[in-house]
C-alpha atoms as a PDB file:
ATOM      1  CA  MET A   1      -2.059   8.264  56.189  1.00  0.00           C
ATOM      2  CA  ILE A   2      -2.141   4.784  54.607  1.00  0.00           C
ATOM      3  CA  THR A   3      -1.807   4.285  50.904  1.00  0.00           C
ATOM      4  CA  PRO A   4      -3.324   1.458  48.898  1.00  0.00           C
ATOM      5  CA  LEU A   5       0.134  -0.031  48.644  1.00  0.00           C
ATOM      6  CA  HIS A   6       0.714   0.126  52.421  1.00  0.00           C
ATOM      7  CA  ALA A   7      -2.634  -1.619  52.852  1.00  0.00           C
ATOM      8  CA  ALA A   8      -1.939  -4.250  50.287  1.00  0.00           C
ATOM      9  CA  VAL A   9       1.420  -5.105  51.930  1.00  0.00           C
ATOM     10  CA  ALA A  10       0.110  -4.993  55.494  1.00  0.00           C
ATOM     11  CA  TRP A  11      -2.753  -7.361  54.645  1.00  0.00           C
ATOM     12  CA  GLY A  12      -0.601  -9.732  52.654  1.00  0.00           C
ATOM     13  CA  HIS A  13      -2.163  -9.222  49.298  1.00  0.00           C
ATOM     14  CA  LEU A  14       0.407 -10.296  46.787  1.00  0.00           C
ATOM     15  CA  GLU A  15      -1.805  -9.816  43.666  1.00  0.00           C
ATOM     16  CA  ALA A  16      -2.794  -6.265  44.780  1.00  0.00           C
ATOM     17  CA  THR A  17       0.781  -5.342  45.603  1.00  0.00           C
ATOM     18  CA  THR A  18       1.926  -6.643  42.201  1.00  0.00           C
ATOM     19  CA  ALA A  19      -0.797  -4.732  40.397  1.00  0.00           C
ATOM     20  CA  LEU A  20       0.030  -1.515  42.123  1.00  0.00           C
ATOM     21  CA  CYS A  21       3.766  -1.899  41.399  1.00  0.00           C
ATOM     22  CA  GLU A  22       2.951  -1.958  37.691  1.00  0.00           C
ATOM     23  CA  TYR A  23       2.269   1.836  37.818  1.00  0.00           C
ATOM     24  CA  ASP A  24       5.264   3.726  36.526  1.00  0.00           C
ATOM     25  CA  ASP A  25       4.754   6.624  38.826  1.00  0.00           C
ATOM     26  CA  LEU A  26       4.335   4.540  42.043  1.00  0.00           C
ATOM     27  CA  ASP A  27       6.225   6.306  44.841  1.00  0.00           C
ATOM     28  CA  LEU A  28       7.863   3.765  47.105  1.00  0.00           C
ATOM     29  CA  GLU A  29       9.116   6.575  49.385  1.00  0.00           C
ATOM     30  CA  ILE A  30       5.733   7.542  50.783  1.00  0.00           C
ATOM     31  CA  ARG A  31       5.560   7.004  54.532  1.00  0.00           C
ATOM     32  CA  ASP A  32       2.580   6.014  56.783  1.00  0.00           C
ATOM     33  CA  ALA A  33       1.704   7.620  60.060  1.00  0.00           C
ATOM     34  CA  GLN A  34       4.419   5.559  61.741  1.00  0.00           C
ATOM     35  CA  GLY A  35       7.015   6.826  59.240  1.00  0.00           C
ATOM     36  CA  ARG A  36       7.287   3.529  57.423  1.00  0.00           C
ATOM     37  CA  THR A  37       7.489   2.904  53.698  1.00  0.00           C
ATOM     38  CA  ALA A  38       5.737  -0.057  52.170  1.00  0.00           C
ATOM     39  CA  ILE A  39       9.135  -1.805  52.053  1.00  0.00           C
ATOM     40  CA  ASP A  40       9.539  -1.203  55.822  1.00  0.00           C
ATOM     41  CA  VAL A  41       6.046  -2.752  56.385  1.00  0.00           C
ATOM     42  CA  ALA A  42       7.002  -5.727  54.339  1.00  0.00           C
ATOM     43  CA  LEU A  43      10.220  -6.212  56.270  1.00  0.00           C
ATOM     44  CA  SER A  44       8.301  -6.397  59.468  1.00  0.00           C
ATOM     45  CA  LEU A  45       6.011  -9.175  58.284  1.00  0.00           C
ATOM     46  CA  PRO A  46       6.566 -12.700  57.013  1.00  0.00           C
ATOM     47  CA  TYR A  47       5.716 -11.862  53.483  1.00  0.00           C
ATOM     48  CA  GLU A  48       8.864 -12.649  51.502  1.00  0.00           C
ATOM     49  CA  ARG A  49       7.130 -12.743  48.105  1.00  0.00           C
ATOM     50  CA  ILE A  50       5.631  -9.259  48.677  1.00  0.00           C
ATOM     51  CA  LEU A  51       8.996  -7.944  49.792  1.00  0.00           C
ATOM     52  CA  GLY A  52      10.560  -9.381  46.625  1.00  0.00           C
ATOM     53  CA  VAL A  53       7.967  -7.583  44.412  1.00  0.00           C
ATOM     54  CA  LEU A  54       8.671  -4.254  46.102  1.00  0.00           C
ATOM     55  CA  GLN A  55      12.418  -4.787  45.884  1.00  0.00           C
ATOM     56  CA  GLN A  56      12.131  -5.541  42.244  1.00  0.00           C
ATOM     57  CA  LYS A  57      10.108  -2.328  41.655  1.00  0.00           C
ATOM     58  CA  ALA A  58      12.728  -0.354  43.571  1.00  0.00           C
ATOM     59  CA  VAL A  59      15.570  -1.711  41.459  1.00  0.00           C
ATOM     60  CA  LEU A  60      13.618  -0.947  38.278  1.00  0.00           C
ATOM     61  CA  GLN A  61      13.008   2.666  39.428  1.00  0.00           C
ATOM     62  CA  LEU A  62      16.648   3.225  40.413  1.00  0.00           C
ATOM     63  CA  SER A  63      17.987   1.828  37.148  1.00  0.00           C
ATOM     64  CA  ASP A  64      15.795   4.119  35.151  1.00  0.00           C
ATOM     65  CA  PRO A  65      17.716   7.219  34.212  1.00  0.00           C
ATOM     66  CA  ASP A  66      14.493   9.199  33.846  1.00  0.00           C
ATOM     67  CA  TYR A  67      13.139   8.230  37.286  1.00  0.00           C
ATOM     68  CA  ARG A  68      12.723  11.242  39.531  1.00  0.00           C
ATOM     69  CA  PRO A  69      11.624  10.330  43.125  1.00  0.00           C
ATOM     70  CA  PHE A  70      10.641  13.857  43.733  1.00  0.00           C
ATOM     71  CA  PRO A  71       8.877  16.300  41.396  1.00  0.00           C
ATOM     72  CA  GLU A  72      11.078  19.089  40.068  1.00  0.00           C
ATOM     73  CA  VAL A  73      10.265  22.448  41.460  1.00  0.00           C
END
């Protein structure tokens, strides 16, 4: 499975990655068929600005006391 975020990162689309990161419920933990998160994909490519956008989103999510990475059952 490839998500729109994985595709944007893999193809080096900074604007698309930034736009997708504006969604509050964006899940950065989703993994592709190779088991990689979007951050893992960015780390494997020379896209420092994209990696920065993803890292900033991760920090915002982790600093939000209401953020729940997994839905409650």
